[in-house]
All heavy atoms as atom14 arrays in JSON, in Angstrom:
{
  "sequence": "SRNRETALAVLTRAVELGVNHIDTADFYRWPDGGPCVNELIR",
  "atom14_mask": [
    [1, 1, 1, 1, 1, 1, 0, 0, 0, 0, 0, 0, 0, 0],
    [1, 1, 1, 1, 1, 1, 1, 1, 1, 1, 1, 0, 0, 0],
    [1, 1, 1, 1, 1, 1, 1, 1, 0, 0, 0, 0, 0, 0],
    [1, 1, 1, 1, 1, 1, 1, 1, 1, 1, 1, 0, 0, 0],
    [1, 1, 1, 1, 1, 1, 1, 1, 1, 0, 0, 0, 0, 0],
    [1, 1, 1, 1, 1, 1, 1, 0, 0, 0, 0, 0, 0, 0],
    [1, 1, 1, 1, 1, 0, 0, 0, 0, 0, 0, 0, 0, 0],
    [1, 1, 1, 1, 1, 1, 1, 1, 0, 0, 0, 0, 0, 0],
    [1, 1, 1, 1, 1, 0, 0, 0, 0, 0, 0, 0, 0, 0],
    [1, 1, 1, 1, 1, 1, 1, 0, 0, 0, 0, 0, 0, 0],
    [1, 1, 1, 1, 1, 1, 1, 1, 0, 0, 0, 0, 0, 0],
    [1, 1, 1, 1, 1, 1, 1, 0, 0, 0, 0, 0, 0, 0],
    [1, 1, 1, 1, 1, 1, 1, 1, 1, 1, 1, 0, 0, 0],
    [1, 1, 1, 1, 1, 0, 0, 0, 0, 0, 0, 0, 0, 0],
    [1, 1, 1, 1, 1, 1, 1, 0, 0, 0, 0, 0, 0, 0],
    [1, 1, 1, 1, 1, 1, 1, 1, 1, 0, 0, 0, 0, 0],
    [1, 1, 1, 1, 1, 1, 1, 1, 0, 0, 0, 0, 0, 0],
    [1, 1, 1, 1, 0, 0, 0, 0, 0, 0, 0, 0, 0, 0],
    [1, 1, 1, 1, 1, 1, 1, 0, 0, 0, 0, 0, 0, 0],
    [1, 1, 1, 1, 1, 1, 1, 1, 0, 0, 0, 0, 0, 0],
    [1, 1, 1, 1, 1, 1, 1, 1, 1, 1, 0, 0, 0, 0],
    [1, 1, 1, 1, 1, 1, 1, 1, 0, 0, 0, 0, 0, 0],
    [1, 1, 1, 1, 1, 1, 1, 1, 0, 0, 0, 0, 0, 0],
    [1, 1, 1, 1, 1, 1, 1, 0, 0, 0, 0, 0, 0, 0],
    [1, 1, 1, 1, 1, 0, 0, 0, 0, 0, 0, 0, 0, 0],
    [1, 1, 1, 1, 1, 1, 1, 1, 0, 0, 0, 0, 0, 0],
    [1, 1, 1, 1, 1, 1, 1, 1, 1, 1, 1, 0, 0, 0],
    [1, 1, 1, 1, 1, 1, 1, 1, 1, 1, 1, 1, 0, 0],
    [1, 1, 1, 1, 1, 1, 1, 1, 1, 1, 1, 0, 0, 0],
    [1, 1, 1, 1, 1, 1, 1, 1, 1, 1, 1, 1, 1, 1],
    [1, 1, 1, 1, 1, 1, 1, 0, 0, 0, 0, 0, 0, 0],
    [1, 1, 1, 1, 1, 1, 1, 1, 0, 0, 0, 0, 0, 0],
    [1, 1, 1, 1, 0, 0, 0, 0, 0, 0, 0, 0, 0, 0],
    [1, 1, 1, 1, 0, 0, 0, 0, 0, 0, 0, 0, 0, 0],
    [1, 1, 1, 1, 1, 1, 1, 0, 0, 0, 0, 0, 0, 0],
    [1, 1, 1, 1, 1, 1, 0, 0, 0, 0, 0, 0, 0, 0],
    [1, 1, 1, 1, 1, 1, 1, 0, 0, 0, 0, 0, 0, 0],
    [1, 1, 1, 1, 1, 1, 1, 1, 0, 0, 0, 0, 0, 0],
    [1, 1, 1, 1, 1, 1, 1, 1, 1, 0, 0, 0, 0, 0],
    [1, 1, 1, 1, 1, 1, 1, 1, 0, 0, 0, 0, 0, 0],
    [1, 1, 1, 1, 1, 1, 1, 1, 0, 0, 0, 0, 0, 0],
    [1, 1, 1, 1, 1, 1, 1, 1, 1, 1, 1, 0, 0, 0]
  ],
  "atom14_positions": [
    [[-166.99, 48.53, -147.65], [-167.13, 48.11, -146.25], [-168.51, 47.53, -145.98], [-169.5, 47.9, -146.59], [-166.89, 49.3, -145.32], [-165.58, 49.76, -145.41], [0.0, 0.0, 0.0], [0.0, 0.0, 0.0], [0.0, 0.0, 0.0], [0.0, 0.0, 0.0], [0.0, 0.0, 0.0], [0.0, 0.0, 0.0], [0.0, 0.0, 0.0], [0.0, 0.0, 0.0]],
    [[-168.55, 46.64, -144.99], [-169.79, 46.03, -144.55], [-170.19, 46.65, -143.2], [-169.4, 47.29, -142.51], [-169.6, 44.53, -144.4], [-169.63, 43.77, -145.75], [-171.02, 43.31, -146.05], [-171.23, 42.74, -147.36], [-170.89, 41.52, -147.75], [-170.2, 40.74, -146.95], [-171.23, 41.09, -148.94], [0.0, 0.0, 0.0], [0.0, 0.0, 0.0], [0.0, 0.0, 0.0]],
    [[-171.44, 46.38, -142.79], [-171.98, 46.91, -141.55], [-171.41, 46.16, -140.35], [-171.44, 44.93, -140.29], [-173.5, 46.79, -141.58], [-174.14, 47.29, -140.3], [-174.31, 46.53, -139.35], [-174.47, 48.57, -140.27], [0.0, 0.0, 0.0], [0.0, 0.0, 0.0], [0.0, 0.0, 0.0], [0.0, 0.0, 0.0], [0.0, 0.0, 0.0], [0.0, 0.0, 0.0]],
    [[-170.93, 46.91, -139.35], [-170.27, 46.32, -138.2], [-171.22, 45.49, -137.34], [-170.89, 44.39, -136.9], [-169.64, 47.43, -137.36], [-168.9, 46.97, -136.12], [-168.23, 48.15, -135.44], [-167.59, 47.73, -134.21], [-168.23, 47.58, -133.07], [-169.53, 47.8, -133.0], [-167.56, 47.19, -131.98], [0.0, 0.0, 0.0], [0.0, 0.0, 0.0], [0.0, 0.0, 0.0]],
    [[-172.41, 46.0, -137.06], [-173.35, 45.28, -136.22], [-173.8, 43.98, -136.88], [-173.99, 42.96, -136.21], [-174.56, 46.17, -135.9], [-174.23, 47.38, -135.04], [-173.51, 47.01, -133.76], [-173.92, 46.02, -133.11], [-172.54, 47.69, -133.4], [0.0, 0.0, 0.0], [0.0, 0.0, 0.0], [0.0, 0.0, 0.0], [0.0, 0.0, 0.0], [0.0, 0.0, 0.0]],
    [[-173.95, 44.02, -138.18], [-174.29, 42.79, -138.9], [-173.17, 41.77, -138.77], [-173.41, 40.57, -138.6], [-174.57, 43.08, -140.38], [-175.65, 44.01, -140.48], [-174.92, 41.81, -141.14], [0.0, 0.0, 0.0], [0.0, 0.0, 0.0], [0.0, 0.0, 0.0], [0.0, 0.0, 0.0], [0.0, 0.0, 0.0], [0.0, 0.0, 0.0], [0.0, 0.0, 0.0]],
    [[-171.94, 42.23, -138.85], [-170.79, 41.33, -138.72], [-170.8, 40.63, -137.36], [-170.56, 39.42, -137.27], [-169.49, 42.12, -138.9], [0.0, 0.0, 0.0], [0.0, 0.0, 0.0], [0.0, 0.0, 0.0], [0.0, 0.0, 0.0], [0.0, 0.0, 0.0], [0.0, 0.0, 0.0], [0.0, 0.0, 0.0], [0.0, 0.0, 0.0], [0.0, 0.0, 0.0]],
    [[-171.09, 41.37, -136.31], [-171.14, 40.77, -134.97], [-172.27, 39.74, -134.9], [-172.12, 38.67, -134.29], [-171.34, 41.86, -133.92], [-170.18, 42.86, -133.76], [-170.6, 43.99, -132.82], [-168.93, 42.16, -133.22], [0.0, 0.0, 0.0], [0.0, 0.0, 0.0], [0.0, 0.0, 0.0], [0.0, 0.0, 0.0], [0.0, 0.0, 0.0], [0.0, 0.0, 0.0]],
    [[-173.39, 40.06, -135.51], [-174.53, 39.14, -135.5], [-174.21, 37.85, -136.25], [-174.61, 36.75, -135.83], [-175.76, 39.81, -136.11], [0.0, 0.0, 0.0], [0.0, 0.0, 0.0], [0.0, 0.0, 0.0], [0.0, 0.0, 0.0], [0.0, 0.0, 0.0], [0.0, 0.0, 0.0], [0.0, 0.0, 0.0], [0.0, 0.0, 0.0], [0.0, 0.0, 0.0]],
    [[-173.48, 37.96, -137.37], [-173.11, 36.77, -138.14], [-172.19, 35.87, -137.32], [-172.37, 34.64, -137.28], [-172.45, 37.18, -139.47], [-171.84, 35.96, -140.17], [-173.46, 37.85, -140.39], [0.0, 0.0, 0.0], [0.0, 0.0, 0.0], [0.0, 0.0, 0.0], [0.0, 0.0, 0.0], [0.0, 0.0, 0.0], [0.0, 0.0, 0.0], [0.0, 0.0, 0.0]],
    [[-171.22, 36.44, -136.66], [-170.3, 35.65, -135.83], [-171.05, 34.93, -134.71], [-170.83, 33.73, -134.47], [-169.23, 36.56, -135.23], [-168.12, 37.0, -136.18], [-167.35, 38.18, -135.58], [-167.17, 35.84, -136.47], [0.0, 0.0, 0.0], [0.0, 0.0, 0.0], [0.0, 0.0, 0.0], [0.0, 0.0, 0.0], [0.0, 0.0, 0.0], [0.0, 0.0, 0.0]],
    [[-171.92, 35.63, -134.04], [-172.69, 35.02, -132.95], [-173.54, 33.88, -133.47], [-173.6, 32.79, -132.88], [-173.58, 36.08, -132.28], [-172.76, 37.13, -131.78], [-174.37, 35.47, -131.14], [0.0, 0.0, 0.0], [0.0, 0.0, 0.0], [0.0, 0.0, 0.0], [0.0, 0.0, 0.0], [0.0, 0.0, 0.0], [0.0, 0.0, 0.0], [0.0, 0.0, 0.0]],
    [[-174.2, 34.1, -134.62], [-175.07, 33.08, -135.18], [-174.28, 31.86, -135.66], [-174.74, 30.72, -135.53], [-175.89, 33.67, -136.32], [-176.89, 32.71, -136.95], [-177.93, 32.27, -135.93], [-178.94, 31.41, -136.53], [-179.54, 30.42, -135.89], [-179.23, 30.15, -134.62], [-180.46, 29.69, -136.49], [0.0, 0.0, 0.0], [0.0, 0.0, 0.0], [0.0, 0.0, 0.0]],
    [[-173.09, 32.09, -136.19], [-172.26, 30.97, -136.65], [-171.98, 29.99, -135.53], [-172.13, 28.77, -135.69], [-170.95, 31.51, -137.24], [0.0, 0.0, 0.0], [0.0, 0.0, 0.0], [0.0, 0.0, 0.0], [0.0, 0.0, 0.0], [0.0, 0.0, 0.0], [0.0, 0.0, 0.0], [0.0, 0.0, 0.0], [0.0, 0.0, 0.0], [0.0, 0.0, 0.0]],
    [[-171.6, 30.51, -134.37], [-171.31, 29.64, -133.23], [-172.59, 28.96, -132.74], [-172.59, 27.79, -132.37], [-170.62, 30.45, -132.12], [-170.51, 29.62, -130.83], [-169.23, 30.88, -132.58], [0.0, 0.0, 0.0], [0.0, 0.0, 0.0], [0.0, 0.0, 0.0], [0.0, 0.0, 0.0], [0.0, 0.0, 0.0], [0.0, 0.0, 0.0], [0.0, 0.0, 0.0]],
    [[-173.7, 29.69, -132.76], [-174.99, 29.09, -132.38], [-175.33, 27.9, -133.28], [-175.94, 26.91, -132.82], [-176.11, 30.12, -132.47], [-176.05, 31.2, -131.4], [-177.1, 32.28, -131.62], [-177.75, 32.3, -132.7], [-177.26, 33.13, -130.73], [0.0, 0.0, 0.0], [0.0, 0.0, 0.0], [0.0, 0.0, 0.0], [0.0, 0.0, 0.0], [0.0, 0.0, 0.0]],
    [[-174.92, 27.96, -134.53], [-175.22, 26.91, -135.49], [-174.22, 25.76, -135.44], [-174.3, 24.83, -136.24], [-175.27, 27.49, -136.91], [-176.44, 28.44, -137.2], [-176.26, 29.13, -138.54], [-177.77, 27.67, -137.17], [0.0, 0.0, 0.0], [0.0, 0.0, 0.0], [0.0, 0.0, 0.0], [0.0, 0.0, 0.0], [0.0, 0.0, 0.0], [0.0, 0.0, 0.0]],
    [[-173.27, 25.83, -134.53], [-172.33, 24.74, -134.36], [-171.0, 24.9, -135.08], [-170.17, 23.98, -135.07], [0.0, 0.0, 0.0], [0.0, 0.0, 0.0], [0.0, 0.0, 0.0], [0.0, 0.0, 0.0], [0.0, 0.0, 0.0], [0.0, 0.0, 0.0], [0.0, 0.0, 0.0], [0.0, 0.0, 0.0], [0.0, 0.0, 0.0], [0.0, 0.0, 0.0]],
    [[-170.78, 26.05, -135.7], [-169.48, 26.29, -136.34], [-168.42, 26.43, -135.25], [-168.58, 27.23, -134.32], [-169.52, 27.57, -137.2], [-168.13, 27.95, -137.67], [-170.46, 27.38, -138.38], [0.0, 0.0, 0.0], [0.0, 0.0, 0.0], [0.0, 0.0, 0.0], [0.0, 0.0, 0.0], [0.0, 0.0, 0.0], [0.0, 0.0, 0.0], [0.0, 0.0, 0.0]],
    [[-167.35, 25.64, -135.33], [-166.29, 25.75, -134.32], [-164.91, 25.88, -134.94], [-163.9, 25.63, -134.29], [-166.34, 24.58, -133.34], [-165.98, 23.25, -133.99], [-165.94, 23.13, -135.21], [-165.72, 22.25, -133.16], [0.0, 0.0, 0.0], [0.0, 0.0, 0.0], [0.0, 0.0, 0.0], [0.0, 0.0, 0.0], [0.0, 0.0, 0.0], [0.0, 0.0, 0.0]],
    [[-164.88, 26.29, -136.21], [-163.62, 26.57, -136.9], [-163.79, 27.88, -137.64], [-164.56, 27.98, -138.6], [-163.29, 25.42, -137.88], [-162.15, 25.72, -138.8], [-162.09, 25.22, -140.09], [-161.02, 26.46, -138.64], [-160.98, 25.63, -140.67], [-160.32, 26.4, -139.82], [0.0, 0.0, 0.0], [0.0, 0.0, 0.0], [0.0, 0.0, 0.0], [0.0, 0.0, 0.0]],
    [[-163.1, 28.91, -137.17], [-163.19, 30.24, -137.77], [-161.83, 30.61, -138.35], [-160.79, 30.49, -137.7], [-163.62, 31.28, -136.71], [-165.08, 31.03, -136.29], [-163.47, 32.7, -137.25], [-165.59, 31.97, -135.24], [0.0, 0.0, 0.0], [0.0, 0.0, 0.0], [0.0, 0.0, 0.0], [0.0, 0.0, 0.0], [0.0, 0.0, 0.0], [0.0, 0.0, 0.0]],
    [[-161.86, 31.05, -139.6], [-160.62, 31.42, -140.3], [-160.55, 32.94, -140.42], [-161.49, 33.59, -140.87], [-160.62, 30.79, -141.69], [-159.32, 31.07, -142.43], [-158.35, 30.32, -142.23], [-159.27, 32.05, -143.2], [0.0, 0.0, 0.0], [0.0, 0.0, 0.0], [0.0, 0.0, 0.0], [0.0, 0.0, 0.0], [0.0, 0.0, 0.0], [0.0, 0.0, 0.0]],
    [[-159.41, 33.5, -140.03], [-159.29, 34.95, -139.98], [-157.86, 35.38, -140.34], [-157.02, 34.57, -140.74], [-159.66, 35.46, -138.56], [-159.66, 36.89, -138.55], [-158.71, 34.95, -137.5], [0.0, 0.0, 0.0], [0.0, 0.0, 0.0], [0.0, 0.0, 0.0], [0.0, 0.0, 0.0], [0.0, 0.0, 0.0], [0.0, 0.0, 0.0], [0.0, 0.0, 0.0]],
    [[-157.59, 36.67, -140.21], [-156.25, 37.22, -140.39], [-156.26, 38.65, -139.87], [-157.27, 39.35, -139.97], [-155.82, 37.22, -141.86], [0.0, 0.0, 0.0], [0.0, 0.0, 0.0], [0.0, 0.0, 0.0], [0.0, 0.0, 0.0], [0.0, 0.0, 0.0], [0.0, 0.0, 0.0], [0.0, 0.0, 0.0], [0.0, 0.0, 0.0], [0.0, 0.0, 0.0]],
    [[-155.13, 39.08, -139.32], [-155.05, 40.44, -138.8], [-155.18, 41.47, -139.93], [-155.6, 42.61, -139.69], [-153.71, 40.64, -138.08], [-153.6, 42.0, -137.44], [-154.33, 42.26, -136.47], [-152.79, 42.83, -137.92], [0.0, 0.0, 0.0], [0.0, 0.0, 0.0], [0.0, 0.0, 0.0], [0.0, 0.0, 0.0], [0.0, 0.0, 0.0], [0.0, 0.0, 0.0]],
    [[-154.85, 41.06, -141.17], [-154.94, 42.02, -142.28], [-156.33, 42.05, -142.91], [-156.53, 42.74, -143.9], [-153.87, 41.74, -143.34], [-153.8, 40.32, -143.84], [-154.64, 39.88, -144.85], [-152.87, 39.44, -143.31], [-154.58, 38.58, -145.31], [-152.8, 38.13, -143.77], [-153.65, 37.7, -144.78], [0.0, 0.0, 0.0], [0.0, 0.0, 0.0], [0.0, 0.0, 0.0]],
    [[-157.3, 41.35, -142.35], [-158.7, 41.49, -142.79], [-159.26, 42.71, -142.07], [-159.65, 42.66, -140.91], [-159.53, 40.27, -142.41], [-159.21, 39.0, -143.18], [-159.84, 37.81, -142.84], [-158.32, 38.98, -144.24], [-159.58, 36.64, -143.54], [-158.05, 37.82, -144.93], [-158.68, 36.65, -144.58], [-158.43, 35.48, -145.25], [0.0, 0.0, 0.0], [0.0, 0.0, 0.0]],
    [[-159.33, 43.83, -142.78], [-159.74, 45.1, -142.17], [-160.71, 45.84, -143.08], [-160.77, 45.6, -144.28], [-158.51, 45.99, -141.91], [-157.56, 45.42, -140.89], [-156.29, 46.24, -140.74], [-155.43, 45.66, -139.71], [-155.46, 46.01, -138.43], [-156.3, 46.96, -138.03], [-154.66, 45.43, -137.56], [0.0, 0.0, 0.0], [0.0, 0.0, 0.0], [0.0, 0.0, 0.0]],
    [[-161.45, 46.78, -142.5], [-162.31, 47.65, -143.28], [-161.46, 48.49, -144.22], [-160.37, 48.95, -143.84], [-163.1, 48.57, -142.37], [-164.48, 48.11, -142.06], [-165.59, 48.24, -142.85], [-164.92, 47.44, -140.87], [-166.69, 47.69, -142.22], [-166.3, 47.19, -141.01], [-164.28, 47.01, -139.71], [-167.06, 46.56, -140.04], [-165.01, 46.37, -138.74], [-166.39, 46.15, -138.91]],
    [[-161.94, 48.73, -145.45], [-161.18, 49.57, -146.38], [-160.9, 50.97, -145.83], [-159.92, 51.6, -146.21], [-162.07, 49.63, -147.63], [-162.94, 48.42, -147.54], [-163.16, 48.19, -146.07], [0.0, 0.0, 0.0], [0.0, 0.0, 0.0], [0.0, 0.0, 0.0], [0.0, 0.0, 0.0], [0.0, 0.0, 0.0], [0.0, 0.0, 0.0], [0.0, 0.0, 0.0]],
    [[-161.79, 51.46, -144.94], [-161.61, 52.82, -144.42], [-160.74, 52.86, -143.17], [-160.66, 53.89, -142.49], [-162.97, 53.46, -144.14], [-163.79, 52.66, -143.12], [-163.25, 51.69, -142.56], [-164.96, 53.01, -142.91], [0.0, 0.0, 0.0], [0.0, 0.0, 0.0], [0.0, 0.0, 0.0], [0.0, 0.0, 0.0], [0.0, 0.0, 0.0], [0.0, 0.0, 0.0]],
    [[-160.09, 51.73, -142.84], [-159.18, 51.71, -141.7], [-159.83, 51.38, -140.38], [-159.23, 51.59, -139.33], [0.0, 0.0, 0.0], [0.0, 0.0, 0.0], [0.0, 0.0, 0.0], [0.0, 0.0, 0.0], [0.0, 0.0, 0.0], [0.0, 0.0, 0.0], [0.0, 0.0, 0.0], [0.0, 0.0, 0.0], [0.0, 0.0, 0.0], [0.0, 0.0, 0.0]],
    [[-161.03, 50.84, -140.4], [-161.71, 50.45, -139.16], [-161.04, 49.25, -138.51], [-160.0, 48.78, -138.97], [0.0, 0.0, 0.0], [0.0, 0.0, 0.0], [0.0, 0.0, 0.0], [0.0, 0.0, 0.0], [0.0, 0.0, 0.0], [0.0, 0.0, 0.0], [0.0, 0.0, 0.0], [0.0, 0.0, 0.0], [0.0, 0.0, 0.0], [0.0, 0.0, 0.0]],
    [[-161.63, 48.72, -137.44], [-161.01, 47.61, -136.71], [-160.89, 46.37, -137.57], [-161.66, 46.16, -138.52], [-161.98, 47.38, -135.53], [-163.29, 47.93, -136.01], [-162.95, 49.08, -136.88], [0.0, 0.0, 0.0], [0.0, 0.0, 0.0], [0.0, 0.0, 0.0], [0.0, 0.0, 0.0], [0.0, 0.0, 0.0], [0.0, 0.0, 0.0], [0.0, 0.0, 0.0]],
    [[-159.91, 45.53, -137.24], [-159.72, 44.3, -138.0], [-160.75, 43.26, -137.56], [-161.39, 43.39, -136.51], [-158.31, 43.76, -137.82], [-157.91, 43.15, -136.17], [0.0, 0.0, 0.0], [0.0, 0.0, 0.0], [0.0, 0.0, 0.0], [0.0, 0.0, 0.0], [0.0, 0.0, 0.0], [0.0, 0.0, 0.0], [0.0, 0.0, 0.0], [0.0, 0.0, 0.0]],
    [[-160.92, 42.24, -138.38], [-161.88, 41.19, -138.08], [-161.6, 40.55, -136.72], [-162.53, 40.2, -135.99], [-161.87, 40.12, -139.2], [-162.54, 38.85, -138.75], [-162.56, 40.65, -140.44], [0.0, 0.0, 0.0], [0.0, 0.0, 0.0], [0.0, 0.0, 0.0], [0.0, 0.0, 0.0], [0.0, 0.0, 0.0], [0.0, 0.0, 0.0], [0.0, 0.0, 0.0]],
    [[-160.32, 40.41, -136.38], [-159.98, 39.77, -135.1], [-160.63, 40.49, -133.92], [-161.06, 39.86, -132.94], [-158.47, 39.74, -134.91], [-157.79, 38.74, -135.82], [-158.44, 37.88, -136.4], [-156.48, 38.85, -135.95], [0.0, 0.0, 0.0], [0.0, 0.0, 0.0], [0.0, 0.0, 0.0], [0.0, 0.0, 0.0], [0.0, 0.0, 0.0], [0.0, 0.0, 0.0]],
    [[-160.69, 41.8, -133.98], [-161.32, 42.55, -132.9], [-162.82, 42.29, -132.84], [-163.41, 42.25, -131.76], [-161.02, 44.04, -133.07], [-159.53, 44.36, -132.87], [-159.16, 45.74, -133.35], [-159.85, 46.29, -134.22], [-158.15, 46.28, -132.85], [0.0, 0.0, 0.0], [0.0, 0.0, 0.0], [0.0, 0.0, 0.0], [0.0, 0.0, 0.0], [0.0, 0.0, 0.0]],
    [[-163.45, 42.1, -134.0], [-164.86, 41.74, -134.03], [-165.08, 40.35, -133.44], [-166.05, 40.13, -132.7], [-165.38, 41.77, -135.46], [-165.43, 43.12, -136.17], [-165.91, 42.92, -137.6], [-166.31, 44.1, -135.43], [0.0, 0.0, 0.0], [0.0, 0.0, 0.0], [0.0, 0.0, 0.0], [0.0, 0.0, 0.0], [0.0, 0.0, 0.0], [0.0, 0.0, 0.0]],
    [[-164.21, 39.42, -133.78], [-164.32, 38.06, -133.24], [-164.26, 38.1, -131.72], [-165.06, 37.47, -131.02], [-163.21, 37.16, -133.81], [-163.42, 36.95, -135.31], [-163.16, 35.81, -133.08], [-162.25, 36.26, -136.0], [0.0, 0.0, 0.0], [0.0, 0.0, 0.0], [0.0, 0.0, 0.0], [0.0, 0.0, 0.0], [0.0, 0.0, 0.0], [0.0, 0.0, 0.0]],
    [[-163.32, 38.87, -131.2], [-163.18, 38.97, -129.74], [-164.42, 39.6, -129.11], [-164.93, 39.12, -128.1], [-161.94, 39.79, -129.4], [-161.68, 39.93, -127.9], [-160.39, 40.65, -127.65], [-160.08, 40.71, -126.22], [-158.94, 41.19, -125.73], [-158.01, 41.66, -126.56], [-158.72, 41.22, -124.43], [0.0, 0.0, 0.0], [0.0, 0.0, 0.0], [0.0, 0.0, 0.0]]
  ]
}
């Protein structure tokens, strides 16, 4: 698993840098059963 706060910071910075195409999936989840990536994006 990766750090949740870092994940939020990466998403925010991506948009700041002009990224406007994000690829995801509901099955992208923490190995320990944490929230899926989609919830972090939101």
